[in-house]
PDB file of N, CA and C in Angstrom:
ATOM      1  N   MET A   1     124.441 117.569  94.001  1.00  0.00           N
ATOM      2  CA  MET A   1     125.064 116.865  93.734  1.00  0.00           C
ATOM      3  C   MET A   1     124.502 116.390  92.006  1.00  0.00           C
ATOM      4  N   PRO A   2     125.683 116.110  91.724  1.00  0.00           N
ATOM      5  CA  PRO A   2     125.962 115.780  90.205  1.00  0.00           C
ATOM      6  C   PRO A   2     124.599 115.119  89.641  1.00  0.00           C
ATOM      7  N   TRP A   3     124.676 113.635  90.362  1.00  0.00           N
ATOM      8  CA  TRP A   3     124.033 112.479  90.414  1.00  0.00           C
ATOM      9  C   TRP A   3     122.594 112.137  91.088  1.00  0.00           C
ATOM     10  N   GLU A   4     121.724 111.712  90.430  1.00  0.00           N
ATOM     11  CA  GLU A   4     120.260 111.359  90.725  1.00  0.00           C
ATOM     12  C   GLU A   4     119.810 110.283  90.219  1.00  0.00           C
ATOM     13  N   LEU A   5     119.488 109.296  91.364  1.00  0.00           N
ATOM     14  CA  LEU A   5     118.259 108.096  90.872  1.00  0.00           C
ATOM     15  C   LEU A   5     117.444 108.182  90.907  1.00  0.00           C
ATOM     16  N   THR A   6     116.229 107.759  90.261  1.00  0.00           N
ATOM     17  CA  THR A   6     114.971 107.876  90.745  1.00  0.00           C
ATOM     18  C   THR A   6     114.346 106.464  90.073  1.00  0.00           C
ATOM     19  N   ILE A   7     113.311 106.111  91.008  1.00  0.00           N
ATOM     20  CA  ILE A   7     112.910 104.907  90.813  1.00  0.00           C
ATOM     21  C   ILE A   7     111.250 104.900  91.363  1.00  0.00           C
ATOM     22  N   GLU A   8     110.184 104.549  90.967  1.00  0.00           N
ATOM     23  CA  GLU A   8     108.875 104.705  90.767  1.00  0.00           C
ATOM     24  C   GLU A   8     108.281 103.430  90.874  1.00  0.00           C
ATOM     25  N   ARG A   9     107.312 103.213  91.804  1.00  0.00           N
ATOM     26  CA  ARG A   9     106.513 102.143  92.273  1.00  0.00           C
ATOM     27  C   ARG A   9     104.902 102.600  92.257  1.00  0.00           C
ATOM     28  N   THR A  10     103.712 101.647  91.950  1.00  0.00           N
ATOM     29  CA  THR A  10     102.744 102.140  92.433  1.00  0.00           C
ATOM     30  C   THR A  10     101.960 101.117  93.339  1.00  0.00           C
ATOM     31  N   PHE A  11     101.387 101.675  94.221  1.00  0.00           N
ATOM     32  CA  PHE A  11     100.237 100.465  94.714  1.00  0.00           C
ATOM     33  C   PHE A  11      98.781 100.964  94.968  1.00  0.00           C
ATOM     34  N   PRO A  12      98.040 100.377  95.151  1.00  0.00           N
ATOM     35  CA  PRO A  12      96.576 100.397  95.218  1.00  0.00           C
ATOM     36  C   PRO A  12      96.101 100.312  96.569  1.00  0.00           C
ATOM     37  N   ALA A  13      95.489 101.470  97.201  1.00  0.00           N
ATOM     38  CA  ALA A  13      95.407 101.318  98.550  1.00  0.00           C
ATOM     39  C   ALA A  13      94.054 102.208  98.663  1.00  0.00           C
ATOM     40  N   ALA A  14      93.356 101.919  99.803  1.00  0.00           N
ATOM     41  CA  ALA A  14      92.413 103.043 100.267  1.00  0.00           C
ATOM     42  C   ALA A  14      92.709 104.045 101.425  1.00  0.00           C
ATOM     43  N   HIS A  15      91.832 104.887 102.116  1.00  0.00           N
ATOM     44  CA  HIS A  15      91.947 105.913 102.906  1.00  0.00           C
ATOM     45  C   HIS A  15      90.992 106.932 103.234  1.00  0.00           C
ATOM     46  N   GLN A  16      91.007 107.475 104.173  1.00  0.00           N
ATOM     47  CA  GLN A  16      90.361 108.161 104.628  1.00  0.00           C
ATOM     48  C   GLN A  16      90.574 109.273 105.495  1.00  0.00           C
ATOM     49  N   LEU A  17      90.816 110.350 105.232  1.00  0.00           N
ATOM     50  CA  LEU A  17      91.290 111.533 106.100  1.00  0.00           C
ATOM     51  C   LEU A  17      90.242 111.913 107.254  1.00  0.00           C
ATOM     52  N   ARG A  18      90.820 112.085 108.339  1.00  0.00           N
ATOM     53  CA  ARG A  18      90.151 112.957 109.672  1.00  0.00           C
ATOM     54  C   ARG A  18      89.879 114.505 109.597  1.00  0.00           C
ATOM     55  N   PHE A  19      88.661 115.142 109.434  1.00  0.00           N
ATOM     56  CA  PHE A  19      88.742 116.179 109.860  1.00  0.00           C
ATOM     57  C   PHE A  19      88.862 117.089 110.927  1.00  0.00           C
ATOM     58  N   PRO A  20      89.129 118.401 110.962  1.00  0.00           N
ATOM     59  CA  PRO A  20      89.269 118.543 112.354  1.00  0.00           C
ATOM     60  C   PRO A  20      87.797 118.340 113.332  1.00  0.00           C
ATOM     61  N   ASP A  21      86.550 118.185 112.974  1.00  0.00           N
ATOM     62  CA  ASP A  21      85.859 118.297 113.870  1.00  0.00           C
ATOM     63  C   ASP A  21      85.685 116.638 113.852  1.00  0.00           C
ATOM     64  N   GLY A  22      86.584 115.983 113.981  1.00  0.00           N
ATOM     65  CA  GLY A  22      86.575 114.452 114.236  1.00  0.00           C
ATOM     66  C   GLY A  22      86.022 113.410 113.149  1.00  0.00           C
ATOM     67  N   SER A  23      85.179 113.802 112.428  1.00  0.00           N
ATOM     68  CA  SER A  23      84.560 112.944 111.693  1.00  0.00           C
ATOM     69  C   SER A  23      84.959 112.687 110.502  1.00  0.00           C
ATOM     70  N   LEU A  24      85.226 111.529 109.489  1.00  0.00           N
ATOM     71  CA  LEU A  24      85.996 110.815 108.292  1.00  0.00           C
ATOM     72  C   LEU A  24      85.354 111.487 107.232  1.00  0.00           C
ATOM     73  N   GLU A  25      86.294 111.669 106.111  1.00  0.00           N
ATOM     74  CA  GLU A  25      85.522 111.701 104.625  1.00  0.00           C
ATOM     75  C   GLU A  25      85.493 110.074 104.433  1.00  0.00           C
ATOM     76  N   PRO A  26      84.785 110.033 103.239  1.00  0.00           N
ATOM     77  CA  PRO A  26      84.439 108.650 102.745  1.00  0.00           C
ATOM     78  C   PRO A  26      85.624 107.489 102.207  1.00  0.00           C
ATOM     79  N   LEU A  27      85.597 106.523 102.435  1.00  0.00           N
ATOM     80  CA  LEU A  27      86.621 106.020 102.384  1.00  0.00           C
ATOM     81  C   LEU A  27      86.421 105.792 100.909  1.00  0.00           C
ATOM     82  N   HIS A  28      87.725 106.185 100.251  1.00  0.00           N
ATOM     83  CA  HIS A  28      88.336 105.537  99.077  1.00  0.00           C
ATOM     84  C   HIS A  28      89.609 105.321  98.610  1.00  0.00           C
ATOM     85  N   ALA A  29      89.651 105.160  97.122  1.00  0.00           N
ATOM     86  CA  ALA A  29      90.720 104.241  96.978  1.00  0.00           C
ATOM     87  C   ALA A  29      91.577 105.151  95.605  1.00  0.00           C
ATOM     88  N   HIS A  30      93.234 104.748  95.713  1.00  0.00           N
ATOM     89  CA  HIS A  30      93.723 105.552  94.852  1.00  0.00           C
ATOM     90  C   HIS A  30      94.685 104.590  94.022  1.00  0.00           C
ATOM     91  N   GLU A  31      95.457 104.830  93.103  1.00  0.00           N
ATOM     92  CA  GLU A  31      96.145 103.915  92.749  1.00  0.00           C
ATOM     93  C   GLU A  31      97.691 104.583  92.743  1.00  0.00           C
ATOM     94  N   TRP A  32      98.071 104.825  93.950  1.00  0.00           N
ATOM     95  CA  TRP A  32      99.453 105.657  94.617  1.00  0.00           C
ATOM     96  C   TRP A  32     100.600 105.282  93.767  1.00  0.00           C
ATOM     97  N   ARG A  33     101.296 106.520  93.562  1.00  0.00           N
ATOM     98  CA  ARG A  33     102.665 106.573  92.898  1.00  0.00           C
ATOM     99  C   ARG A  33     103.569 107.035  93.944  1.00  0.00           C
ATOM    100  N   VAL A  34     104.464 106.379  93.840  1.00  0.00           N
ATOM    101  CA  VAL A  34     105.553 106.862  94.766  1.00  0.00           C
ATOM    102  C   VAL A  34     106.782 106.760  93.706  1.00  0.00           C
ATOM    103  N   ARG A  35     107.710 107.915  93.833  1.00  0.00           N
ATOM    104  CA  ARG A  35     109.218 108.040  93.385  1.00  0.00           C
ATOM    105  C   ARG A  35     109.795 108.801  94.534  1.00  0.00           C
ATOM    106  N   VAL A  36     111.113 107.765  94.272  1.00  0.00           N
ATOM    107  CA  VAL A  36     112.353 107.940  95.485  1.00  0.00           C
ATOM    108  C   VAL A  36     113.530 108.594  94.533  1.00  0.00           C
ATOM    109  N   VAL A  37     113.800 109.301  95.293  1.00  0.00           N
ATOM    110  CA  VAL A  37     115.020 110.232  94.436  1.00  0.00           C
ATOM    111  C   VAL A  37     116.206 109.988  95.427  1.00  0.00           C
ATOM    112  N   ILE A  38     117.389 109.773  94.636  1.00  0.00           N
ATOM    113  CA  ILE A  38     118.615 109.350  95.829  1.00  0.00           C
ATOM    114  C   ILE A  38     120.013 110.273  95.398  1.00  0.00           C
ATOM    115  N   ALA A  39     120.428 111.024  95.686  1.00  0.00           N
ATOM    116  CA  ALA A  39     121.499 111.989  95.099  1.00  0.00           C
ATOM    117  C   ALA A  39     122.631 111.497  95.773  1.00  0.00           C
ATOM    118  N   SER A  40     123.960 111.762  94.811  1.00  0.00           N
ATOM    119  CA  SER A  40     125.225 111.465  95.376  1.00  0.00           C
ATOM    120  C   SER A  40     126.129 112.265  94.406  1.00  0.00           C
ATOM    121  N   ASP A  41     127.375 112.294  95.055  1.00  0.00           N
ATOM    122  CA  ASP A  41     128.449 113.433  94.724  1.00  0.00           C
ATOM    123  C   ASP A  41     129.417 112.056  94.180  1.00  0.00           C
ATOM    124  N   GLN A  42     129.183 111.030  94.413  1.00  0.00           N
ATOM    125  CA  GLN A  42     130.196 110.188  93.819  1.00  0.00           C
ATOM    126  C   GLN A  42     129.374 109.136  93.146  1.00  0.00           C
ATOM    127  N   LEU A  43     130.003 108.043  92.570  1.00  0.00           N
ATOM    128  CA  LEU A  43     129.437 107.011  92.272  1.00  0.00           C
ATOM    129  C   LEU A  43     129.820 105.754  92.877  1.00  0.00           C
ATOM    130  N   ASP A  44     129.617 104.530  93.068  1.00  0.00           N
ATOM    131  CA  ASP A  44     130.162 103.144  93.907  1.00  0.00           C
ATOM    132  C   ASP A  44     131.526 102.622  92.425  1.00  0.00           C
ATOM    133  N   GLU A  45     131.135 101.522  92.890  1.00  0.00           N
ATOM    134  CA  GLU A  45     132.348 100.881  92.292  1.00  0.00           C
ATOM    135  C   GLU A  45     131.671 100.314  90.875  1.00  0.00           C
ATOM    136  N   MET A  46     130.380 100.221  90.796  1.00  0.00           N
ATOM    137  CA  MET A  46     130.069 100.184  89.582  1.00  0.00           C
ATOM    138  C   MET A  46     129.345 101.084  88.674  1.00  0.00           C
ATOM    139  N   ASP A  47     130.335 102.467  88.614  1.00  0.00           N
ATOM    140  CA  ASP A  47     129.698 103.961  88.325  1.00  0.00           C
ATOM    141  C   ASP A  47     128.236 103.918  88.135  1.00  0.00           C
ATOM    142  N   CYS A  48     127.404 103.267  89.312  1.00  0.00           N
ATOM    143  CA  CYS A  48     125.933 103.777  89.855  1.00  0.00           C
ATOM    144  C   CYS A  48     125.890 104.467  91.162  1.00  0.00           C
ATOM    145  N   VAL A  49     125.108 105.451  90.737  1.00  0.00           N
ATOM    146  CA  VAL A  49     124.821 106.264  92.561  1.00  0.00           C
ATOM    147  C   VAL A  49     124.641 104.959  93.376  1.00  0.00           C
ATOM    148  N   MET A  50     124.095 103.677  92.935  1.00  0.00           N
ATOM    149  CA  MET A  50     123.239 102.396  93.716  1.00  0.00           C
ATOM    150  C   MET A  50     122.758 101.739  92.811  1.00  0.00           C
ATOM    151  N   ASP A  51     122.497 100.345  93.052  1.00  0.00           N
ATOM    152  CA  ASP A  51     121.735  99.410  92.248  1.00  0.00           C
ATOM    153  C   ASP A  51     120.491  99.727  92.072  1.00  0.00           C
ATOM    154  N   PHE A  52     119.800  99.849  91.146  1.00  0.00           N
ATOM    155  CA  PHE A  52     118.261 100.350  91.336  1.00  0.00           C
ATOM    156  C   PHE A  52     117.902  99.274  91.578  1.00  0.00           C
ATOM    157  N   HIS A  53     118.088  97.735  91.603  1.00  0.00           N
ATOM    158  CA  HIS A  53     117.091  96.584  91.821  1.00  0.00           C
ATOM    159  C   HIS A  53     117.202  96.653  93.630  1.00  0.00           C
ATOM    160  N   VAL A  54     118.277  96.890  93.923  1.00  0.00           N
ATOM    161  CA  VAL A  54     118.344  96.803  95.413  1.00  0.00           C
ATOM    162  C   VAL A  54     117.338  97.893  96.297  1.00  0.00           C
ATOM    163  N   LEU A  55     117.121  99.186  95.788  1.00  0.00           N
ATOM    164  CA  LEU A  55     116.328 100.392  95.953  1.00  0.00           C
ATOM    165  C   LEU A  55     115.036  99.789  95.683  1.00  0.00           C
ATOM    166  N   GLU A  56     115.061  99.130  94.538  1.00  0.00           N
ATOM    167  CA  GLU A  56     113.166  98.566  94.322  1.00  0.00           C
ATOM    168  C   GLU A  56     112.870  97.378  95.023  1.00  0.00           C
ATOM    169  N   ALA A  57     113.514  96.918  95.675  1.00  0.00           N
ATOM    170  CA  ALA A  57     113.754  95.876  96.820  1.00  0.00           C
ATOM    171  C   ALA A  57     113.143  96.150  97.863  1.00  0.00           C
ATOM    172  N   GLU A  58     113.685  96.997  98.265  1.00  0.00           N
ATOM    173  CA  GLU A  58     113.410  97.908 100.039  1.00  0.00           C
ATOM    174  C   GLU A  58     112.172  98.506 100.072  1.00  0.00           C
ATOM    175  N   LEU A  59     111.894  99.220  98.685  1.00  0.00           N
ATOM    176  CA  LEU A  59     111.042  99.816  98.505  1.00  0.00           C
ATOM    177  C   LEU A  59     109.826  98.847  98.163  1.00  0.00           C
ATOM    178  N   ASP A  60     109.959  98.131  97.756  1.00  0.00           N
ATOM    179  CA  ASP A  60     108.664  97.144  97.315  1.00  0.00           C
ATOM    180  C   ASP A  60     108.330  96.492  98.696  1.00  0.00           C
ATOM    181  N   SER A  61     109.450  96.411  99.644  1.00  0.00           N
ATOM    182  CA  SER A  61     109.090  95.310 101.025  1.00  0.00           C
ATOM    183  C   SER A  61     108.900  96.223 101.733  1.00  0.00           C
ATOM    184  N   ILE A  62     108.880  97.860 101.376  1.00  0.00           N
ATOM    185  CA  ILE A  62     108.072  98.815 102.086  1.00  0.00           C
ATOM    186  C   ILE A  62     106.456  98.851 102.162  1.00  0.00           C
ATOM    187  N   LEU A  63     106.260  98.881 100.971  1.00  0.00           N
ATOM    188  CA  LEU A  63     104.982  99.188 100.531  1.00  0.00           C
ATOM    189  C   LEU A  63     103.872  97.875 100.413  1.00  0.00           C
ATOM    190  N   HIS A  64     104.667  96.551 100.321  1.00  0.00           N
ATOM    191  CA  HIS A  64     104.105  95.791 100.913  1.00  0.00           C
ATOM    192  C   HIS A  64     102.889  95.532 101.868  1.00  0.00           C
ATOM    193  N   PRO A  65     102.821  96.152 102.930  1.00  0.00           N
ATOM    194  CA  PRO A  65     101.679  95.625 103.882  1.00  0.00           C
ATOM    195  C   PRO A  65     100.584  96.803 103.023  1.00  0.00           C
ATOM    196  N   TYR A  66     100.623  98.118 102.711  1.00  0.00           N
ATOM    197  CA  TYR A  66     100.041  98.570 102.147  1.00  0.00           C
ATOM    198  C   TYR A  66      98.874  98.662 100.997  1.00  0.00           C
ATOM    199  N   ARG A  67      99.661  97.242 100.280  1.00  0.00           N
ATOM    200  CA  ARG A  67      98.912  97.169  98.989  1.00  0.00           C
ATOM    201  C   ARG A  67      97.860  96.318  98.957  1.00  0.00           C
ATOM    202  N   HIS A  68      96.526  96.979  98.253  1.00  0.00           N
ATOM    203  CA  HIS A  68      95.634  96.419  98.618  1.00  0.00           C
ATOM    204  C   HIS A  68      94.480  96.362 100.043  1.00  0.00           C
ATOM    205  N   ALA A  69      95.113  97.632 100.993  1.00  0.00           N
ATOM    206  CA  ALA A  69      94.755  97.903 102.250  1.00  0.00           C
ATOM    207  C   ALA A  69      94.098  99.209 102.218  1.00  0.00           C
ATOM    208  N   ASN A  70      93.266  99.123 103.227  1.00  0.00           N
ATOM    209  CA  ASN A  70      93.090 100.417 103.728  1.00  0.00           C
ATOM    210  C   ASN A  70      94.373 100.987 104.821  1.00  0.00           C
ATOM    211  N   LEU A  71      94.784 102.208 104.257  1.00  0.00           N
ATOM    212  CA  LEU A  71      96.205 102.398 105.330  1.00  0.00           C
ATOM    213  C   LEU A  71      95.708 102.787 106.511  1.00  0.00           C
ATOM    214  N   ASN A  72      94.438 103.461 106.874  1.00  0.00           N
ATOM    215  CA  ASN A  72      93.960 103.419 108.173  1.00  0.00           C
ATOM    216  C   ASN A  72      93.971 102.356 109.212  1.00  0.00           C
ATOM    217  N   ASP A  73      93.999 100.968 108.374  1.00  0.00           N
ATOM    218  CA  ASP A  73      94.399 100.254 109.331  1.00  0.00           C
ATOM    219  C   ASP A  73      95.293  99.680 109.357  1.00  0.00           C
ATOM    220  N   ARG A  74      96.880 100.609 108.735  1.00  0.00           N
ATOM    221  CA  ARG A  74      98.348  99.738 108.758  1.00  0.00           C
ATOM    222  C   ARG A  74      98.816 100.943 109.625  1.00  0.00           C
ATOM    223  N   PRO A  75      99.826 100.851 110.745  1.00  0.00           N
ATOM    224  CA  PRO A  75     100.485 101.833 111.211  1.00  0.00           C
ATOM    225  C   PRO A  75     101.624 102.871 109.916  1.00  0.00           C
ATOM    226  N   PRO A  76     101.353 103.694 110.215  1.00  0.00           N
ATOM    227  CA  PRO A  76     101.975 104.435 111.479  1.00  0.00           C
ATOM    228  C   PRO A  76      99.806 105.243 111.452  1.00  0.00           C
ATOM    229  N   PHE A  77      99.432 104.869 110.454  1.00  0.00           N
ATOM    230  CA  PHE A  77      97.967 105.268 110.035  1.00  0.00           C
ATOM    231  C   PHE A  77      97.130 105.086 111.137  1.00  0.00           C
ATOM    232  N   SER A  78      97.274 103.673 111.892  1.00  0.00           N
ATOM    233  CA  SER A  78      96.087 103.393 112.485  1.00  0.00           C
ATOM    234  C   SER A  78      96.500 103.880 114.027  1.00  0.00           C
ATOM    235  N   THR A  79      97.686 104.438 114.461  1.00  0.00           N
ATOM    236  CA  THR A  79      97.651 104.770 115.355  1.00  0.00           C
ATOM    237  C   THR A  79      97.756 106.386 115.768  1.00  0.00           C
ATOM    238  N   GLY A  80      96.868 107.002 114.939  1.00  0.00           N
ATOM    239  CA  GLY A  80      96.625 108.440 114.590  1.00  0.00           C
ATOM    240  C   GLY A  80      97.119 109.320 113.575  1.00  0.00           C
ATOM    241  N   THR A  81      98.125 108.956 112.914  1.00  0.00           N
ATOM    242  CA  THR A  81      98.515 109.459 111.951  1.00  0.00           C
ATOM    243  C   THR A  81      97.803 109.622 110.629  1.00  0.00           C
ATOM    244  N   GLN A  82      97.369 110.838 110.243  1.00  0.00           N
ATOM    245  CA  GLN A  82      96.716 110.970 108.929  1.00  0.00           C
ATOM    246  C   GLN A  82      97.318 110.005 107.891  1.00  0.00           C
ATOM    247  N   SER A  83      96.217 109.571 107.091  1.00  0.00           N
ATOM    248  CA  SER A  83      96.995 109.109 105.482  1.00  0.00           C
ATOM    249  C   SER A  83      96.750 109.793 104.764  1.00  0.00           C
ATOM    250  N   SER A  84      97.435 110.808 104.798  1.00  0.00           N
ATOM    251  CA  SER A  84      97.520 112.430 104.234  1.00  0.00           C
ATOM    252  C   SER A  84      98.386 111.703 103.119  1.00  0.00           C
ATOM    253  N   ALA A  85      98.478 112.245 101.477  1.00  0.00           N
ATOM    254  CA  ALA A  85     100.137 111.889 100.748  1.00  0.00           C
ATOM    255  C   ALA A  85     101.200 112.490 101.696  1.00  0.00           C
ATOM    256  N   GLU A  86     101.259 113.468 101.980  1.00  0.00           N
ATOM    257  CA  GLU A  86     102.152 114.076 102.719  1.00  0.00           C
ATOM    258  C   GLU A  86     102.431 113.254 103.595  1.00  0.00           C
ATOM    259  N   ARG A  87     101.770 112.830 104.802  1.00  0.00           N
ATOM    260  CA  ARG A  87     102.359 111.647 105.770  1.00  0.00           C
ATOM    261  C   ARG A  87     102.950 110.379 105.207  1.00  0.00           C
ATOM    262  N   VAL A  88     102.045 110.163 103.857  1.00  0.00           N
ATOM    263  CA  VAL A  88     102.719 108.319 103.403  1.00  0.00           C
ATOM    264  C   VAL A  88     103.884 108.800 102.854  1.00  0.00           C
ATOM    265  N   ALA A  89     104.321 110.117 101.930  1.00  0.00           N
ATOM    266  CA  ALA A  89     105.369 110.182 101.985  1.00  0.00           C
ATOM    267  C   ALA A  89     106.485 110.034 102.720  1.00  0.00           C
ATOM    268  N   GLU A  90     106.439 110.853 103.978  1.00  0.00           N
ATOM    269  CA  GLU A  90     107.337 111.006 104.969  1.00  0.00           C
ATOM    270  C   GLU A  90     107.497 109.644 105.384  1.00  0.00           C
ATOM    271  N   THR A  91     106.331 108.395 105.304  1.00  0.00           N
ATOM    272  CA  THR A  91     106.317 107.411 106.270  1.00  0.00           C
ATOM    273  C   THR A  91     107.298 106.333 105.177  1.00  0.00           C
ATOM    274  N   ILE A  92     106.937 106.251 104.136  1.00  0.00           N
ATOM    275  CA  ILE A  92     107.984 106.162 103.229  1.00  0.00           C
ATOM    276  C   ILE A  92     109.313 106.146 103.283  1.00  0.00           C
ATOM    277  N   GLY A  93     109.626 107.753 103.449  1.00  0.00           N
ATOM    278  CA  GLY A  93     111.233 108.203 103.394  1.00  0.00           C
ATOM    279  C   GLY A  93     111.808 107.354 104.940  1.00  0.00           C
ATOM    280  N   ARG A  94     110.914 107.825 105.752  1.00  0.00           N
ATOM    281  CA  ARG A  94     111.442 107.797 107.099  1.00  0.00           C
ATOM    282  C   ARG A  94     111.952 105.866 107.059  1.00  0.00           C
ATOM    283  N   SER A  95     111.007 105.020 106.837  1.00  0.00           N
ATOM    284  CA  SER A  95     111.214 103.973 106.391  1.00  0.00           C
ATOM    285  C   SER A  95     112.499 103.533 105.820  1.00  0.00           C
ATOM    286  N   LEU A  96     112.719 104.081 104.400  1.00  0.00           N
ATOM    287  CA  LEU A  96     114.058 103.699 103.957  1.00  0.00           C
ATOM    288  C   LEU A  96     115.012 104.184 104.312  1.00  0.00           C
ATOM    289  N   LEU A  97     115.408 105.247 105.591  1.00  0.00           N
ATOM    290  CA  LEU A  97     115.976 105.669 105.919  1.00  0.00           C
ATOM    291  C   LEU A  97     116.318 104.491 107.518  1.00  0.00           C
ATOM    292  N   ASP A  98     115.179 104.292 107.875  1.00  0.00           N
ATOM    293  CA  ASP A  98     115.249 103.236 108.980  1.00  0.00           C
ATOM    294  C   ASP A  98     116.023 101.812 108.742  1.00  0.00           C
ATOM    295  N   VAL A  99     115.987 101.689 107.665  1.00  0.00           N
ATOM    296  CA  VAL A  99     116.384 100.310 106.902  1.00  0.00           C
ATOM    297  C   VAL A  99     117.817 100.314 106.107  1.00  0.00           C
ATOM    298  N   ARG A 100     118.312 101.659 106.368  1.00  0.00           N
ATOM    299  CA  ARG A 100     119.790 101.895 105.692  1.00  0.00           C
ATOM    300  C   ARG A 100     120.133 101.149 104.666  1.00  0.00           C
ATOM    301  N   ALA A 101     118.692 101.253 103.310  1.00  0.00           N
ATOM    302  CA  ALA A 101     118.761 101.164 101.995  1.00  0.00           C
ATOM    303  C   ALA A 101     119.497 101.979 101.045  1.00  0.00           C
ATOM    304  N   ILE A 102     120.324 103.145 101.602  1.00  0.00           N
ATOM    305  CA  ILE A 102     121.059 103.907 100.777  1.00  0.00           C
ATOM    306  C   ILE A 102     122.312 103.773 101.615  1.00  0.00           C
ATOM    307  N   PRO A 103     122.964 103.510 100.399  1.00  0.00           N
ATOM    308  CA  PRO A 103     124.552 103.479 100.536  1.00  0.00           C
ATOM    309  C   PRO A 103     125.018 104.815 101.360  1.00  0.00           C
ATOM    310  N   GLY A 104     125.907 105.002 101.746  1.00  0.00           N
ATOM    311  CA  GLY A 104     126.726 106.090 102.342  1.00  0.00           C
ATOM    312  C   GLY A 104     127.316 107.114 101.776  1.00  0.00           C
ATOM    313  N   HIS A 105     127.455 107.077 100.473  1.00  0.00           N
ATOM    314  CA  HIS A 105     128.147 107.780  99.593  1.00  0.00           C
ATOM    315  C   HIS A 105     126.910 108.766  99.068  1.00  0.00           C
ATOM    316  N   ALA A 106     125.849 108.738  99.323  1.00  0.00           N
ATOM    317  CA  ALA A 106     124.318 108.919  98.514  1.00  0.00           C
ATOM    318  C   ALA A 106     123.673 109.540  99.643  1.00  0.00           C
ATOM    319  N   ARG A 107     122.087 109.818  99.702  1.00  0.00           N
ATOM    320  CA  ARG A 107     121.440 110.458 100.434  1.00  0.00           C
ATOM    321  C   ARG A 107     120.155 110.140  99.714  1.00  0.00           C
ATOM    322  N   LEU A 108     118.818 110.255 100.480  1.00  0.00           N
ATOM    323  CA  LEU A 108     117.687 110.602 100.130  1.00  0.00           C
ATOM    324  C   LEU A 108     117.305 112.045  99.996  1.00  0.00           C
ATOM    325  N   LEU A 109     117.132 112.151  98.833  1.00  0.00           N
ATOM    326  CA  LEU A 109     116.805 113.808  98.407  1.00  0.00           C
ATOM    327  C   LEU A 109     115.387 113.618  98.671  1.00  0.00           C
ATOM    328  N   ALA A 110     114.238 113.224  97.801  1.00  0.00           N
ATOM    329  CA  ALA A 110     112.981 113.417  98.100  1.00  0.00           C
ATOM    330  C   ALA A 110     112.270 111.986  97.793  1.00  0.00           C
ATOM    331  N   VAL A 111     110.922 111.669  98.615  1.00  0.00           N
ATOM    332  CA  VAL A 111     109.986 111.104  98.222  1.00  0.00           C
ATOM    333  C   VAL A 111     108.617 111.388  97.528  1.00  0.00           C
ATOM    334  N   HIS A 112     108.585 111.291  96.762  1.00  0.00           N
ATOM    335  CA  HIS A 112     107.009 112.188  95.887  1.00  0.00           C
ATOM    336  C   HIS A 112     106.202 110.738  95.811  1.00  0.00           C
ATOM    337  N   VAL A 113     104.811 111.643  96.268  1.00  0.00           N
ATOM    338  CA  VAL A 113     103.695 110.467  96.154  1.00  0.00           C
ATOM    339  C   VAL A 113     102.732 111.371  95.734  1.00  0.00           C
ATOM    340  N   THR A 114     102.027 110.526  94.710  1.00  0.00           N
ATOM    341  CA  THR A 114     100.974 111.198  93.897  1.00  0.00           C
ATOM    342  C   THR A 114      99.775 110.427  94.376  1.00  0.00           C
ATOM    343  N   GLU A 115      98.937 111.349  94.688  1.00  0.00           N
ATOM    344  CA  GLU A 115      97.661 110.673  95.078  1.00  0.00           C
ATOM    345  C   GLU A 115      96.670 110.204  93.589  1.00  0.00           C
ATOM    346  N   SER A 116      96.414 111.128  93.207  1.00  0.00           N
ATOM    347  CA  SER A 116      95.928 110.897  91.713  1.00  0.00           C
ATOM    348  C   SER A 116      96.353 111.987  90.616  1.00  0.00           C
ATOM    349  N   ALA A 117      96.181 111.973  89.452  1.00  0.00           N
ATOM    350  CA  ALA A 117      96.703 112.922  88.692  1.00  0.00           C
ATOM    351  C   ALA A 117      96.867 114.480  88.652  1.00  0.00           C
ATOM    352  N   GLY A 118      98.162 114.969  88.868  1.00  0.00           N
ATOM    353  CA  GLY A 118      97.874 116.304  89.282  1.00  0.00           C
ATOM    354  C   GLY A 118      98.092 116.734  90.720  1.00  0.00           C
ATOM    355  N   CYS A 119      98.094 115.657  91.911  1.00  0.00           N
ATOM    356  CA  CYS A 119      98.026 115.917  93.134  1.00  0.00           C
ATOM    357  C   CYS A 119      99.428 115.189  93.837  1.00  0.00           C
ATOM    358  N   VAL A 120     100.481 115.822  93.650  1.00  0.00           N
ATOM    359  CA  VAL A 120     101.809 115.046  94.736  1.00  0.00           C
ATOM    360  C   VAL A 120     102.147 115.577  95.593  1.00  0.00           C
ATOM    361  N   ALA A 121     102.520 114.908  96.536  1.00  0.00           N
ATOM    362  CA  ALA A 121     103.151 115.627  97.743  1.00  0.00           C
ATOM    363  C   ALA A 121     104.746 114.873  98.009  1.00  0.00           C
ATOM    364  N   THR A 122     105.454 116.072  98.505  1.00  0.00           N
ATOM    365  CA  THR A 122     106.981 115.596  98.512  1.00  0.00           C
ATOM    366  C   THR A 122     107.286 115.635  99.775  1.00  0.00           C
ATOM    367  N   TRP A 123     108.036 114.696 100.006  1.00  0.00           N
ATOM    368  CA  TRP A 123     108.548 114.674 101.581  1.00  0.00           C
ATOM    369  C   TRP A 123     110.132 114.594 101.182  1.00  0.00           C
ATOM    370  N   ARG A 124     110.983 116.006 101.796  1.00  0.00           N
ATOM    371  CA  ARG A 124     112.591 116.048 101.954  1.00  0.00           C
ATOM    372  C   ARG A 124     112.944 115.345 103.262  1.00  0.00           C
ATOM    373  N   ALA A 125     114.295 114.440 102.893  1.00  0.00           N
ATOM    374  CA  ALA A 125     114.866 114.057 104.187  1.00  0.00           C
ATOM    375  C   ALA A 125     115.692 115.181 104.790  1.00  0.00           C
TER     376      ALA A 125
END
C-alpha cells in the first residue's frame, strides 16, 4: 500500500500488571503515547487516505475513559485483561475497528503504544 496516514495522541493513566503468582506490581502512571497507522492503495475524493480530524476524533473518543484513570478500573482491564502496553494497543485497535472509523478503501495497519521512552508495543490488525 503506497500511502500511510499516522496520527498520534497521548493520555496520562496509571496501571499495574498482575504477576503469574497473582500478586500485583505497584500502581504507577505513564504518559501513554498512541500512534495509529492507516494504509491505503488509493486516495479518497480529497486525495487523502482519510480525514486526519475524523480519525483523531475517533481516537480521542476511545481514549477519553482512560485519561487520568487507573486502567485496571476500566473495561476490558477491569474484567481480567492485563493492562500491558500490548493489550492497550490491541484494545485501541479493536475499538477503532468496532466503530468503523476507517473508510472501506483503507485499513488499520498498526497501533503503537509507548509506555515509556524506548518501550513500544505494536498491535497489527
